[in-house]
C-alpha atoms as a PDB file:
ATOM      1  CA  MET A   1     -48.994  22.272 -60.626  1.00  0.00           C
ATOM      2  CA  LEU A   2     -49.405  23.887 -57.380  1.00  0.00           C
ATOM      3  CA  LYS A   3     -52.461  24.315 -55.587  1.00  0.00           C
ATOM      4  CA  VAL A   4     -52.658  27.367 -53.056  1.00  0.00           C
ATOM      5  CA  THR A   5     -55.320  27.864 -50.743  1.00  0.00           C
ATOM      6  CA  LEU A   6     -55.852  30.231 -47.710  1.00  0.00           C
ATOM      7  CA  ASN A   7     -57.709  29.639 -44.467  1.00  0.00           C
ATOM      8  CA  ASP A   8     -57.954  32.716 -42.619  1.00  0.00           C
ATOM      9  CA  ARG A   9     -59.028  32.802 -39.146  1.00  0.00           C
ATOM     10  CA  ASP A  10     -59.590  34.443 -36.097  1.00  0.00           C
ATOM     11  CA  ASN A  11     -56.007  33.149 -34.590  1.00  0.00           C
ATOM     12  CA  GLY A  12     -54.210  33.648 -37.838  1.00  0.00           C
ATOM     13  CA  VAL A  13     -53.997  32.550 -41.302  1.00  0.00           C
ATOM     14  CA  THR A  14     -53.024  29.206 -42.621  1.00  0.00           C
ATOM     15  CA  LEU A  15     -51.517  28.845 -46.074  1.00  0.00           C
ATOM     16  CA  ILE A  16     -51.878  25.336 -47.592  1.00  0.00           C
ATOM     17  CA  LEU A  17     -49.507  24.623 -50.558  1.00  0.00           C
ATOM     18  CA  GLU A  18     -50.331  21.134 -52.538  1.00  0.00           C
ATOM     19  CA  GLY A  19     -48.284  19.941 -55.210  1.00  0.00           C
ATOM     20  CA  ARG A  20     -44.889  20.815 -56.751  1.00  0.00           C
ATOM     21  CA  LEU A  21     -42.857  24.166 -55.259  1.00  0.00           C
ATOM     22  CA  CYS A  22     -40.746  24.853 -58.204  1.00  0.00           C
ATOM     23  CA  GLY A  23     -40.479  27.281 -61.328  1.00  0.00           C
ATOM     24  CA  ASP A  24     -43.378  29.489 -61.555  1.00  0.00           C
ATOM     25  CA  CYS A  25     -45.485  27.534 -59.009  1.00  0.00           C
ATOM     26  CA  THR A  26     -42.694  29.091 -56.594  1.00  0.00           C
ATOM     27  CA  ALA A  27     -43.786  32.427 -57.883  1.00  0.00           C
ATOM     28  CA  GLU A  28     -47.400  31.921 -57.621  1.00  0.00           C
ATOM     29  CA  ALA A  29     -47.007  30.729 -54.041  1.00  0.00           C
ATOM     30  CA  GLU A  30     -44.595  33.723 -53.138  1.00  0.00           C
ATOM     31  CA  ARG A  31     -47.764  35.889 -54.101  1.00  0.00           C
ATOM     32  CA  ALA A  32     -49.786  34.708 -51.603  1.00  0.00           C
ATOM     33  CA  TRP A  33     -47.159  34.402 -49.094  1.00  0.00           C
ATOM     34  CA  ARG A  34     -46.711  38.019 -49.917  1.00  0.00           C
ATOM     35  CA  SER A  35     -50.703  38.742 -49.730  1.00  0.00           C
ATOM     36  CA  VAL A  36     -50.694  37.486 -45.792  1.00  0.00           C
ATOM     37  CA  ILE A  37     -47.366  38.796 -44.293  1.00  0.00           C
ATOM     38  CA  THR A  38     -48.961  42.209 -44.326  1.00  0.00           C
ATOM     39  CA  GLY A  39     -51.275  41.177 -41.218  1.00  0.00           C
ATOM     40  CA  ALA A  40     -49.648  41.164 -37.606  1.00  0.00           C
ATOM     41  CA  LYS A  41     -51.762  37.353 -37.400  1.00  0.00           C
ATOM     42  CA  GLN A  42     -49.666  34.074 -36.699  1.00  0.00           C
ATOM     43  CA  ILE A  43     -48.854  32.478 -40.539  1.00  0.00           C
ATOM     44  CA  SER A  44     -48.721  28.931 -40.492  1.00  0.00           C
ATOM     45  CA  VAL A  45     -47.697  27.014 -43.657  1.00  0.00           C
ATOM     46  CA  ASP A  46     -49.207  23.234 -44.508  1.00  0.00           C
ATOM     47  CA  LEU A  47     -46.862  21.494 -46.552  1.00  0.00           C
ATOM     48  CA  ALA A  48     -48.284  18.030 -45.990  1.00  0.00           C
ATOM     49  CA  GLY A  49     -49.507  17.856 -49.953  1.00  0.00           C
ATOM     50  CA  VAL A  50     -45.965  19.185 -51.180  1.00  0.00           C
ATOM     51  CA  SER A  51     -44.424  16.645 -53.131  1.00  0.00           C
ATOM     52  CA  TYR A  52     -41.096  18.001 -54.828  1.00  0.00           C
ATOM     53  CA  VAL A  53     -39.415  21.391 -53.615  1.00  0.00           C
ATOM     54  CA  ASP A  54     -36.698  23.048 -56.185  1.00  0.00           C
ATOM     55  CA  ARG A  55     -34.067  25.597 -55.129  1.00  0.00           C
ATOM     56  CA  ASP A  56     -36.402  28.561 -55.849  1.00  0.00           C
ATOM     57  CA  GLY A  57     -38.864  26.818 -53.269  1.00  0.00           C
ATOM     58  CA  GLU A  58     -36.090  26.277 -50.764  1.00  0.00           C
ATOM     59  CA  SER A  59     -35.826  30.303 -50.828  1.00  0.00           C
ATOM     60  CA  LEU A  60     -39.135  30.636 -50.161  1.00  0.00           C
ATOM     61  CA  LEU A  61     -39.699  28.277 -47.401  1.00  0.00           C
ATOM     62  CA  GLN A  62     -36.315  29.789 -45.577  1.00  0.00           C
ATOM     63  CA  ASP A  63     -37.765  33.514 -46.126  1.00  0.00           C
ATOM     64  CA  MET A  64     -41.211  31.752 -44.564  1.00  0.00           C
ATOM     65  CA  LEU A  65     -38.943  30.621 -41.570  1.00  0.00           C
ATOM     66  CA  GLU A  66     -37.015  33.795 -41.239  1.00  0.00           C
ATOM     67  CA  GLN A  67     -40.397  35.710 -41.203  1.00  0.00           C
ATOM     68  CA  GLY A  68     -41.423  33.822 -38.298  1.00  0.00           C
ATOM     69  CA  ALA A  69     -43.875  31.262 -40.257  1.00  0.00           C
ATOM     70  CA  ILE A  70     -44.918  27.872 -38.589  1.00  0.00           C
ATOM     71  CA  LEU A  71     -44.039  25.340 -41.426  1.00  0.00           C
ATOM     72  CA  ARG A  72     -46.106  22.413 -40.850  1.00  0.00           C
ATOM     73  CA  VAL A  73     -45.140  19.002 -42.672  1.00  0.00           C
ATOM     74  CA  GLY A  74     -46.319  15.719 -43.572  1.00  0.00           C
ATOM     75  CA  GLY A  75     -43.628  13.558 -44.232  1.00  0.00           C
ATOM     76  CA  VAL A  76     -39.988  12.354 -43.382  1.00  0.00           C
ATOM     77  CA  TRP A  77     -38.465  14.163 -46.606  1.00  0.00           C
ATOM     78  CA  MET A  78     -40.359  17.412 -45.984  1.00  0.00           C
ATOM     79  CA  GLU A  79     -39.694  17.219 -42.203  1.00  0.00           C
ATOM     80  CA  HIS A  80     -35.757  16.590 -43.187  1.00  0.00           C
ATOM     81  CA  LEU A  81     -35.855  19.682 -45.580  1.00  0.00           C
ATOM     82  CA  VAL A  82     -37.814  22.181 -43.185  1.00  0.00           C
ATOM     83  CA  ALA A  83     -34.931  20.906 -40.398  1.00  0.00           C
ATOM     84  CA  ASP A  84     -32.382  21.814 -42.512  1.00  0.00           C
ATOM     85  CA  LEU A  85     -33.785  25.320 -43.770  1.00  0.00           C
ATOM     86  CA  ARG A  86     -33.627  26.145 -39.999  1.00  0.00           C
ATOM     87  CA  ARG A  87     -30.469  24.975 -39.276  1.00  0.00           C
ATOM     88  CA  ARG A  88     -29.653  27.565 -42.181  1.00  0.00           C
ATOM     89  CA  ILE A  89     -30.936  30.173 -40.499  1.00  0.00           C
ATOM     90  CA  MET A  90     -29.792  29.549 -36.954  1.00  0.00           C
ATOM     91  CA  PRO A  91     -27.340  31.692 -35.412  1.00  0.00           C
ATOM     92  CA  ALA A  92     -23.605  31.164 -36.142  1.00  0.00           C
ATOM     93  CA  ASP A  93     -23.480  31.184 -32.230  1.00  0.00           C
ATOM     94  CA  SER A  94     -25.447  28.898 -31.025  1.00  0.00           C
ATOM     95  CA  ALA A  95     -24.453  26.523 -33.946  1.00  0.00           C
ATOM     96  CA  LEU A  96     -20.609  26.972 -32.137  1.00  0.00           C
ATOM     97  CA  SER A  97     -21.722  26.492 -28.600  1.00  0.00           C
ATOM     98  CA  ARG A  98     -22.223  23.140 -29.576  1.00  0.00           C
ATOM     99  CA  ARG A  99     -19.504  22.153 -31.828  1.00  0.00           C
ATOM    100  CA  THR A 100     -16.334  24.123 -30.869  1.00  0.00           C
ATOM    101  CA  PRO A 101     -13.412  22.086 -31.629  1.00  0.00           C
ATOM    102  CA  ARG A 102     -10.851  21.710 -28.946  1.00  0.00           C
ATOM    103  CA  PRO A 103      -7.732  23.746 -29.544  1.00  0.00           C
ATOM    104  CA  PRO A 104      -4.501  21.823 -31.156  1.00  0.00           C
ATOM    105  CA  ARG A 105      -2.333  20.500 -29.061  1.00  0.00           C
ATOM    106  CA  SER A 106       1.573  21.353 -29.074  1.00  0.00           C
ATOM    107  CA  PRO A 107       3.901  18.610 -30.026  1.00  0.00           C
ATOM    108  CA  GLY A 108       5.099  16.694 -27.234  1.00  0.00           C
ATOM    109  CA  VAL A 109       2.333  17.651 -24.581  1.00  0.00           C
ATOM    110  CA  SER A 110       0.204  15.052 -23.438  1.00  0.00           C
END
């Protein structure tokens, strides 16, 4: 079960999700998401009340991040999940700049 609440304010829209973001509930959350992205306002998604996310839910959250939503979390597990989703959409060149391996050495060269 998932409860979806929309708070529309002058400075933006907050989509509040509470419960399990999985299965048919993900489709319900996606319908709400699609209804708010049409405006040019800032969109934040409050995930503090989400207790479970399946692959469909992860896909929706990743889509939200890619479209500029601010995801607000309320726990270590959800914080870790959102950080992982952000890493998935990070441009490849910025990830390589921190982790570029050294070229292999030729044998006998010190």
